[in-house]
């Protein structure tokens, strides 16, 4: 079970919550707000269906993750997410090796791409199921080959969709972001927190307003 540091809690958790993802970025985003949850990765393989749009694809993957975990825990809220990078309609997943990462970053250099995250929140016993995708446009600067190779040598790109991490050293690649920043990290917090509040899974912490200045 994860916990927030004393004094830093924005939200308190009212119902048992499971994050069906092994992503440390998603865990850190929820941790920072004081949300408590268990982490149970789904183990689902991400299979591509012919003719499926990237948006439909990423929502389906998130849904499959949530369903897999919820089968074992039907009385708990399950949150799942999946993130992809899309350039000119083509999905870019995690690089297979350093050479693949170099090729991906070369394709992204100087261009605008989309980051899509599918999110799913479900509670099997009460038949609650919410699914959607959130998109963000990311603009890369023109990259030199030396910059690309130096970044790949750090190892940071190798476990990330599109071969970069905006929350890490990869921030230097990004000229601008249009839309949700946390979506690019891996979980659109605004939409996720709205869902959790609406479902009563979490509540805003504290019940006393701050006293106004005299």
C-alpha atoms as a PDB file:
ATOM      1  CA  UNK A   1       0.000   0.000   0.000  1.00  0.00           C
ATOM      2  CA  UNK A   2       1.369   3.418  -0.932  1.00  0.00           C
ATOM      3  CA  UNK A   3       1.262   6.447   1.348  1.00  0.00           C
ATOM      4  CA  UNK A   4       1.909  10.158   1.022  1.00  0.00           C
ATOM      5  CA  UNK A   5       4.159  12.206   3.298  1.00  0.00           C
ATOM      6  CA  UNK A   6       2.425  13.893   6.251  1.00  0.00           C
ATOM      7  CA  UNK A   7       1.152  17.344   5.369  1.00  0.00           C
ATOM      8  CA  UNK A   8       1.232  16.711   1.623  1.00  0.00           C
ATOM      9  CA  UNK A   9      -2.097  14.921   1.223  1.00  0.00           C
ATOM     10  CA  UNK A  10      -4.595  16.531  -1.143  1.00  0.00           C
ATOM     11  CA  UNK A  11      -7.009  13.622  -1.294  1.00  0.00           C
ATOM     12  CA  UNK A  12      -8.015  10.812   1.038  1.00  0.00           C
ATOM     13  CA  UNK A  13      -8.997   7.404  -0.275  1.00  0.00           C
ATOM     14  CA  UNK A  14     -12.448   6.170   0.772  1.00  0.00           C
ATOM     15  CA  UNK A  15     -12.699   2.904  -1.176  1.00  0.00           C
ATOM     16  CA  UNK A  16     -10.087   0.208  -1.879  1.00  0.00           C
ATOM     17  CA  UNK A  17      -8.313   1.081  -5.134  1.00  0.00           C
ATOM     18  CA  UNK A  18      -6.008  -0.956  -7.360  1.00  0.00           C
ATOM     19  CA  UNK A  19      -3.710   0.443 -10.026  1.00  0.00           C
ATOM     20  CA  UNK A  20      -3.477  -2.218 -12.740  1.00  0.00           C
ATOM     21  CA  UNK A  21      -0.132  -0.995 -14.033  1.00  0.00           C
ATOM     22  CA  UNK A  22       3.546  -1.595 -13.313  1.00  0.00           C
ATOM     23  CA  UNK A  23       4.457   1.916 -14.497  1.00  0.00           C
ATOM     24  CA  UNK A  24       6.428   3.795 -11.823  1.00  0.00           C
ATOM     25  CA  UNK A  25       5.393   7.077 -13.467  1.00  0.00           C
ATOM     26  CA  UNK A  26       1.672   6.432 -12.916  1.00  0.00           C
ATOM     27  CA  UNK A  27       2.326   5.328  -9.360  1.00  0.00           C
ATOM     28  CA  UNK A  28       4.332   8.472  -8.619  1.00  0.00           C
ATOM     29  CA  UNK A  29       1.644  10.767 -10.054  1.00  0.00           C
ATOM     30  CA  UNK A  30      -1.056   9.321  -7.785  1.00  0.00           C
ATOM     31  CA  UNK A  31       1.297   9.128  -4.802  1.00  0.00           C
ATOM     32  CA  UNK A  32       2.042  12.832  -5.085  1.00  0.00           C
ATOM     33  CA  UNK A  33      -1.628  13.655  -4.485  1.00  0.00           C
ATOM     34  CA  UNK A  34      -1.975  11.408  -1.452  1.00  0.00           C
ATOM     35  CA  UNK A  35      -4.121   8.749  -3.144  1.00  0.00           C
ATOM     36  CA  UNK A  36      -3.553   5.329  -1.581  1.00  0.00           C
ATOM     37  CA  UNK A  37      -3.773   2.163  -3.659  1.00  0.00           C
ATOM     38  CA  UNK A  38      -2.311  -1.262  -4.329  1.00  0.00           C
ATOM     39  CA  UNK A  39      -0.321  -1.962  -7.487  1.00  0.00           C
ATOM     40  CA  UNK A  40      -1.274  -5.170  -9.300  1.00  0.00           C
ATOM     41  CA  UNK A  41       0.013  -5.353 -12.911  1.00  0.00           C
ATOM     42  CA  UNK A  42      -2.375  -7.093 -15.273  1.00  0.00           C
ATOM     43  CA  UNK A  43       0.155  -9.063 -17.315  1.00  0.00           C
ATOM     44  CA  UNK A  44      -1.968  -8.508 -20.438  1.00  0.00           C
ATOM     45  CA  UNK A  45      -0.203  -8.642 -23.821  1.00  0.00           C
ATOM     46  CA  UNK A  46      -0.914  -5.625 -26.007  1.00  0.00           C
ATOM     47  CA  UNK A  47      -2.148  -7.072 -29.296  1.00  0.00           C
ATOM     48  CA  UNK A  48      -2.880  -4.859 -32.294  1.00  0.00           C
ATOM     49  CA  UNK A  49      -6.164  -5.397 -34.153  1.00  0.00           C
ATOM     50  CA  UNK A  50      -6.101  -4.673 -37.916  1.00  0.00           C
ATOM     51  CA  UNK A  51      -7.983  -1.515 -38.852  1.00  0.00           C
ATOM     52  CA  UNK A  52      -8.286  -0.280 -35.278  1.00  0.00           C
ATOM     53  CA  UNK A  53      -7.600   3.418 -34.738  1.00  0.00           C
ATOM     54  CA  UNK A  54      -4.858   4.391 -32.249  1.00  0.00           C
ATOM     55  CA  UNK A  55      -7.466   5.936 -29.940  1.00  0.00           C
ATOM     56  CA  UNK A  56      -9.628   2.809 -29.924  1.00  0.00           C
ATOM     57  CA  UNK A  57      -6.546   0.650 -29.525  1.00  0.00           C
ATOM     58  CA  UNK A  58      -5.247   2.372 -26.414  1.00  0.00           C
ATOM     59  CA  UNK A  59      -8.686   2.419 -24.766  1.00  0.00           C
ATOM     60  CA  UNK A  60      -9.103  -1.292 -25.466  1.00  0.00           C
ATOM     61  CA  UNK A  61      -5.708  -2.056 -23.914  1.00  0.00           C
ATOM     62  CA  UNK A  62      -6.581  -0.096 -20.768  1.00  0.00           C
ATOM     63  CA  UNK A  63      -9.944  -1.854 -20.572  1.00  0.00           C
ATOM     64  CA  UNK A  64      -8.362  -5.285 -20.958  1.00  0.00           C
ATOM     65  CA  UNK A  65      -5.915  -4.514 -18.152  1.00  0.00           C
ATOM     66  CA  UNK A  66      -8.712  -3.386 -15.837  1.00  0.00           C
ATOM     67  CA  UNK A  67     -10.901  -6.401 -16.656  1.00  0.00           C
ATOM     68  CA  UNK A  68      -8.049  -8.868 -16.040  1.00  0.00           C
ATOM     69  CA  UNK A  69      -7.354  -7.527 -12.547  1.00  0.00           C
ATOM     70  CA  UNK A  70     -11.026  -6.984 -11.699  1.00  0.00           C
ATOM     71  CA  UNK A  71     -11.817 -10.645 -12.359  1.00  0.00           C
ATOM     72  CA  UNK A  72      -9.781 -11.501  -9.253  1.00  0.00           C
ATOM     73  CA  UNK A  73     -10.915  -8.476  -7.240  1.00  0.00           C
ATOM     74  CA  UNK A  74     -14.572  -7.838  -8.134  1.00  0.00           C
ATOM     75  CA  UNK A  75     -15.231  -5.843  -4.942  1.00  0.00           C
ATOM     76  CA  UNK A  76     -12.464  -3.307  -5.524  1.00  0.00           C
ATOM     77  CA  UNK A  77     -12.095  -0.289  -7.783  1.00  0.00           C
ATOM     78  CA  UNK A  78      -9.563  -0.930 -10.547  1.00  0.00           C
ATOM     79  CA  UNK A  79      -7.824   1.812 -12.504  1.00  0.00           C
ATOM     80  CA  UNK A  80      -5.851   0.973 -15.637  1.00  0.00           C
ATOM     81  CA  UNK A  81      -4.087   3.043 -18.274  1.00  0.00           C
ATOM     82  CA  UNK A  82      -2.029   2.639 -21.407  1.00  0.00           C
ATOM     83  CA  UNK A  83      -0.044   5.272 -23.305  1.00  0.00           C
ATOM     84  CA  UNK A  84       1.114   5.363 -26.916  1.00  0.00           C
ATOM     85  CA  UNK A  85       2.920   7.821 -29.164  1.00  0.00           C
ATOM     86  CA  UNK A  86       1.421   8.434 -32.608  1.00  0.00           C
ATOM     87  CA  UNK A  87       3.336  10.061 -35.468  1.00  0.00           C
ATOM     88  CA  UNK A  88       1.587  10.589 -38.806  1.00  0.00           C
ATOM     89  CA  UNK A  89      -1.000   7.964 -37.871  1.00  0.00           C
ATOM     90  CA  UNK A  90       1.567   5.306 -36.972  1.00  0.00           C
ATOM     91  CA  UNK A  91       1.818   4.012 -33.391  1.00  0.00           C
ATOM     92  CA  UNK A  92       5.256   4.035 -31.801  1.00  0.00           C
ATOM     93  CA  UNK A  93       5.604   1.685 -28.853  1.00  0.00           C
ATOM     94  CA  UNK A  94       8.604   1.020 -26.653  1.00  0.00           C
ATOM     95  CA  UNK A  95      11.890   0.580 -28.538  1.00  0.00           C
ATOM     96  CA  UNK A  96      13.137  -2.970 -28.940  1.00  0.00           C
ATOM     97  CA  UNK A  97      16.780  -1.983 -28.437  1.00  0.00           C
ATOM     98  CA  UNK A  98      19.051   1.097 -28.464  1.00  0.00           C
ATOM     99  CA  UNK A  99      19.195   1.124 -32.269  1.00  0.00           C
ATOM    100  CA  UNK A 100      15.416   1.158 -32.426  1.00  0.00           C
ATOM    101  CA  UNK A 101      15.357   4.067 -29.946  1.00  0.00           C
ATOM    102  CA  UNK A 102      17.769   6.041 -32.142  1.00  0.00           C
ATOM    103  CA  UNK A 103      15.520   5.445 -35.169  1.00  0.00           C
ATOM    104  CA  UNK A 104      12.384   6.525 -33.275  1.00  0.00           C
ATOM    105  CA  UNK A 105      13.928   9.740 -31.995  1.00  0.00           C
ATOM    106  CA  UNK A 106      15.191  10.543 -35.481  1.00  0.00           C
ATOM    107  CA  UNK A 107      11.639  10.248 -36.801  1.00  0.00           C
ATOM    108  CA  UNK A 108      10.253  12.477 -34.027  1.00  0.00           C
ATOM    109  CA  UNK A 109      12.934  15.157 -34.460  1.00  0.00           C
ATOM    110  CA  UNK A 110      11.491  18.543 -35.437  1.00  0.00           C
ATOM    111  CA  UNK A 111       7.939  17.201 -35.695  1.00  0.00           C
ATOM    112  CA  UNK A 112       4.657  17.276 -33.816  1.00  0.00           C
ATOM    113  CA  UNK A 113       3.315  13.989 -32.533  1.00  0.00           C
ATOM    114  CA  UNK A 114       0.340  12.901 -30.434  1.00  0.00           C
ATOM    115  CA  UNK A 115       0.471  11.134 -27.091  1.00  0.00           C
ATOM    116  CA  UNK A 116      -2.693   9.146 -26.379  1.00  0.00           C
ATOM    117  CA  UNK A 117      -3.514   7.586 -23.035  1.00  0.00           C
ATOM    118  CA  UNK A 118      -6.448   5.238 -22.603  1.00  0.00           C
ATOM    119  CA  UNK A 119      -7.857   5.109 -19.086  1.00  0.00           C
ATOM    120  CA  UNK A 120     -10.386   2.723 -17.591  1.00  0.00           C
ATOM    121  CA  UNK A 121     -12.026   2.718 -14.160  1.00  0.00           C
ATOM    122  CA  UNK A 122     -14.211  -0.203 -13.189  1.00  0.00           C
ATOM    123  CA  UNK A 123     -15.909  -1.890 -10.239  1.00  0.00           C
ATOM    124  CA  UNK A 124     -17.167  -5.285 -11.299  1.00  0.00           C
ATOM    125  CA  UNK A 125     -19.634  -5.935  -8.454  1.00  0.00           C
ATOM    126  CA  UNK A 126     -21.526  -2.710  -9.128  1.00  0.00           C
ATOM    127  CA  UNK A 127     -21.175  -2.829 -12.938  1.00  0.00           C
ATOM    128  CA  UNK A 128     -19.405   0.529 -13.088  1.00  0.00           C
ATOM    129  CA  UNK A 129     -17.246   0.938 -16.184  1.00  0.00           C
ATOM    130  CA  UNK A 130     -15.762   4.181 -17.510  1.00  0.00           C
ATOM    131  CA  UNK A 131     -13.394   4.375 -20.470  1.00  0.00           C
ATOM    132  CA  UNK A 132     -11.908   7.184 -22.536  1.00  0.00           C
ATOM    133  CA  UNK A 133      -8.754   8.419 -24.210  1.00  0.00           C
ATOM    134  CA  UNK A 134      -6.922  11.703 -23.647  1.00  0.00           C
ATOM    135  CA  UNK A 135      -4.690  13.249 -26.308  1.00  0.00           C
ATOM    136  CA  UNK A 136      -1.790  15.693 -26.079  1.00  0.00           C
ATOM    137  CA  UNK A 137       0.253  17.260 -28.889  1.00  0.00           C
ATOM    138  CA  UNK A 138       4.006  17.338 -28.307  1.00  0.00           C
ATOM    139  CA  UNK A 139       6.434  19.330 -30.459  1.00  0.00           C
ATOM    140  CA  UNK A 140      10.059  18.181 -30.638  1.00  0.00           C
ATOM    141  CA  UNK A 141      12.992  20.403 -31.412  1.00  0.00           C
ATOM    142  CA  UNK A 142      15.354  19.524 -34.243  1.00  0.00           C
ATOM    143  CA  UNK A 143      17.746  16.964 -32.794  1.00  0.00           C
ATOM    144  CA  UNK A 144      21.337  16.336 -33.822  1.00  0.00           C
ATOM    145  CA  UNK A 145      22.614  12.788 -34.101  1.00  0.00           C
ATOM    146  CA  UNK A 146      24.995  13.468 -31.225  1.00  0.00           C
ATOM    147  CA  UNK A 147      22.078  14.520 -29.003  1.00  0.00           C
ATOM    148  CA  UNK A 148      20.073  11.443 -29.951  1.00  0.00           C
ATOM    149  CA  UNK A 149      22.926   9.017 -29.330  1.00  0.00           C
ATOM    150  CA  UNK A 150      23.904  10.701 -26.059  1.00  0.00           C
ATOM    151  CA  UNK A 151      20.318  10.475 -24.800  1.00  0.00           C
ATOM    152  CA  UNK A 152      19.914   6.833 -25.811  1.00  0.00           C
ATOM    153  CA  UNK A 153      23.178   5.967 -24.041  1.00  0.00           C
ATOM    154  CA  UNK A 154      21.602   7.112 -20.746  1.00  0.00           C
ATOM    155  CA  UNK A 155      19.196   4.182 -21.009  1.00  0.00           C
ATOM    156  CA  UNK A 156      16.185   6.343 -20.190  1.00  0.00           C
ATOM    157  CA  UNK A 157      14.388   5.878 -23.555  1.00  0.00           C
ATOM    158  CA  UNK A 158      14.440   2.089 -23.547  1.00  0.00           C
ATOM    159  CA  UNK A 159      11.283   1.406 -21.517  1.00  0.00           C
ATOM    160  CA  UNK A 160       9.160   4.275 -22.761  1.00  0.00           C
ATOM    161  CA  UNK A 161       6.709   4.661 -25.639  1.00  0.00           C
ATOM    162  CA  UNK A 162       8.259   6.814 -28.342  1.00  0.00           C
ATOM    163  CA  UNK A 163      11.694   6.363 -26.731  1.00  0.00           C
ATOM    164  CA  UNK A 164      11.575   9.387 -24.423  1.00  0.00           C
ATOM    165  CA  UNK A 165      10.503  10.430 -20.944  1.00  0.00           C
ATOM    166  CA  UNK A 166       9.245  14.005 -20.669  1.00  0.00           C
ATOM    167  CA  UNK A 167       9.493  13.889 -16.871  1.00  0.00           C
ATOM    168  CA  UNK A 168      13.195  13.003 -17.002  1.00  0.00           C
ATOM    169  CA  UNK A 169      16.195  13.933 -19.108  1.00  0.00           C
ATOM    170  CA  UNK A 170      13.990  13.719 -22.187  1.00  0.00           C
ATOM    171  CA  UNK A 171      12.471  17.072 -21.246  1.00  0.00           C
ATOM    172  CA  UNK A 172      15.208  18.757 -23.314  1.00  0.00           C
ATOM    173  CA  UNK A 173      13.719  17.213 -26.471  1.00  0.00           C
ATOM    174  CA  UNK A 174      10.371  18.983 -26.096  1.00  0.00           C
ATOM    175  CA  UNK A 175       9.778  22.469 -27.489  1.00  0.00           C
ATOM    176  CA  UNK A 176       6.111  22.693 -26.483  1.00  0.00           C
ATOM    177  CA  UNK A 177       3.145  20.726 -25.160  1.00  0.00           C
ATOM    178  CA  UNK A 178      -0.471  21.358 -26.150  1.00  0.00           C
ATOM    179  CA  UNK A 179      -2.748  19.663 -23.668  1.00  0.00           C
ATOM    180  CA  UNK A 180      -2.240  17.615 -20.521  1.00  0.00           C
ATOM    181  CA  UNK A 181       1.384  17.320 -19.405  1.00  0.00           C
ATOM    182  CA  UNK A 182       0.638  14.421 -17.043  1.00  0.00           C
ATOM    183  CA  UNK A 183      -0.959  12.599 -19.959  1.00  0.00           C
ATOM    184  CA  UNK A 184       2.466  12.538 -21.626  1.00  0.00           C
ATOM    185  CA  UNK A 185       3.983  11.197 -18.405  1.00  0.00           C
ATOM    186  CA  UNK A 186       1.464   8.357 -18.511  1.00  0.00           C
ATOM    187  CA  UNK A 187      -1.732   9.297 -16.660  1.00  0.00           C
ATOM    188  CA  UNK A 188      -3.974  12.324 -17.272  1.00  0.00           C
ATOM    189  CA  UNK A 189      -4.445  13.390 -13.661  1.00  0.00           C
ATOM    190  CA  UNK A 190      -7.222  15.931 -14.189  1.00  0.00           C
ATOM    191  CA  UNK A 191      -9.568  13.412 -15.805  1.00  0.00           C
ATOM    192  CA  UNK A 192      -8.519  10.552 -13.509  1.00  0.00           C
ATOM    193  CA  UNK A 193      -9.087  12.519 -10.308  1.00  0.00           C
ATOM    194  CA  UNK A 194     -12.459  13.751 -11.609  1.00  0.00           C
ATOM    195  CA  UNK A 195     -13.531  10.133 -12.140  1.00  0.00           C
ATOM    196  CA  UNK A 196     -12.313   9.003  -8.704  1.00  0.00           C
ATOM    197  CA  UNK A 197     -14.063  11.901  -6.977  1.00  0.00           C
ATOM    198  CA  UNK A 198     -17.298  11.364  -8.912  1.00  0.00           C
ATOM    199  CA  UNK A 199     -17.316   7.651  -8.023  1.00  0.00           C
ATOM    200  CA  UNK A 200     -16.620   8.363  -4.356  1.00  0.00           C
ATOM    201  CA  UNK A 201     -13.352   6.434  -4.428  1.00  0.00           C
ATOM    202  CA  UNK A 202     -11.515   9.486  -3.071  1.00  0.00           C
ATOM    203  CA  UNK A 203     -12.486  12.755  -1.394  1.00  0.00           C
ATOM    204  CA  UNK A 204     -10.773  16.090  -0.962  1.00  0.00           C
ATOM    205  CA  UNK A 205      -8.710  15.991   2.234  1.00  0.00           C
ATOM    206  CA  UNK A 206      -9.510  18.305   5.135  1.00  0.00           C
ATOM    207  CA  UNK A 207     -12.797  19.831   6.220  1.00  0.00           C
ATOM    208  CA  UNK A 208     -11.701  23.226   7.553  1.00  0.00           C
ATOM    209  CA  UNK A 209     -11.180  26.211   5.243  1.00  0.00           C
ATOM    210  CA  UNK A 210      -8.056  28.321   5.508  1.00  0.00           C
ATOM    211  CA  UNK A 211      -8.690  31.401   7.604  1.00  0.00           C
ATOM    212  CA  UNK A 212      -8.744  34.634   5.552  1.00  0.00           C
ATOM    213  CA  UNK A 213      -6.173  37.336   6.170  1.00  0.00           C
ATOM    214  CA  UNK A 214      -7.265  39.797   8.885  1.00  0.00           C
END
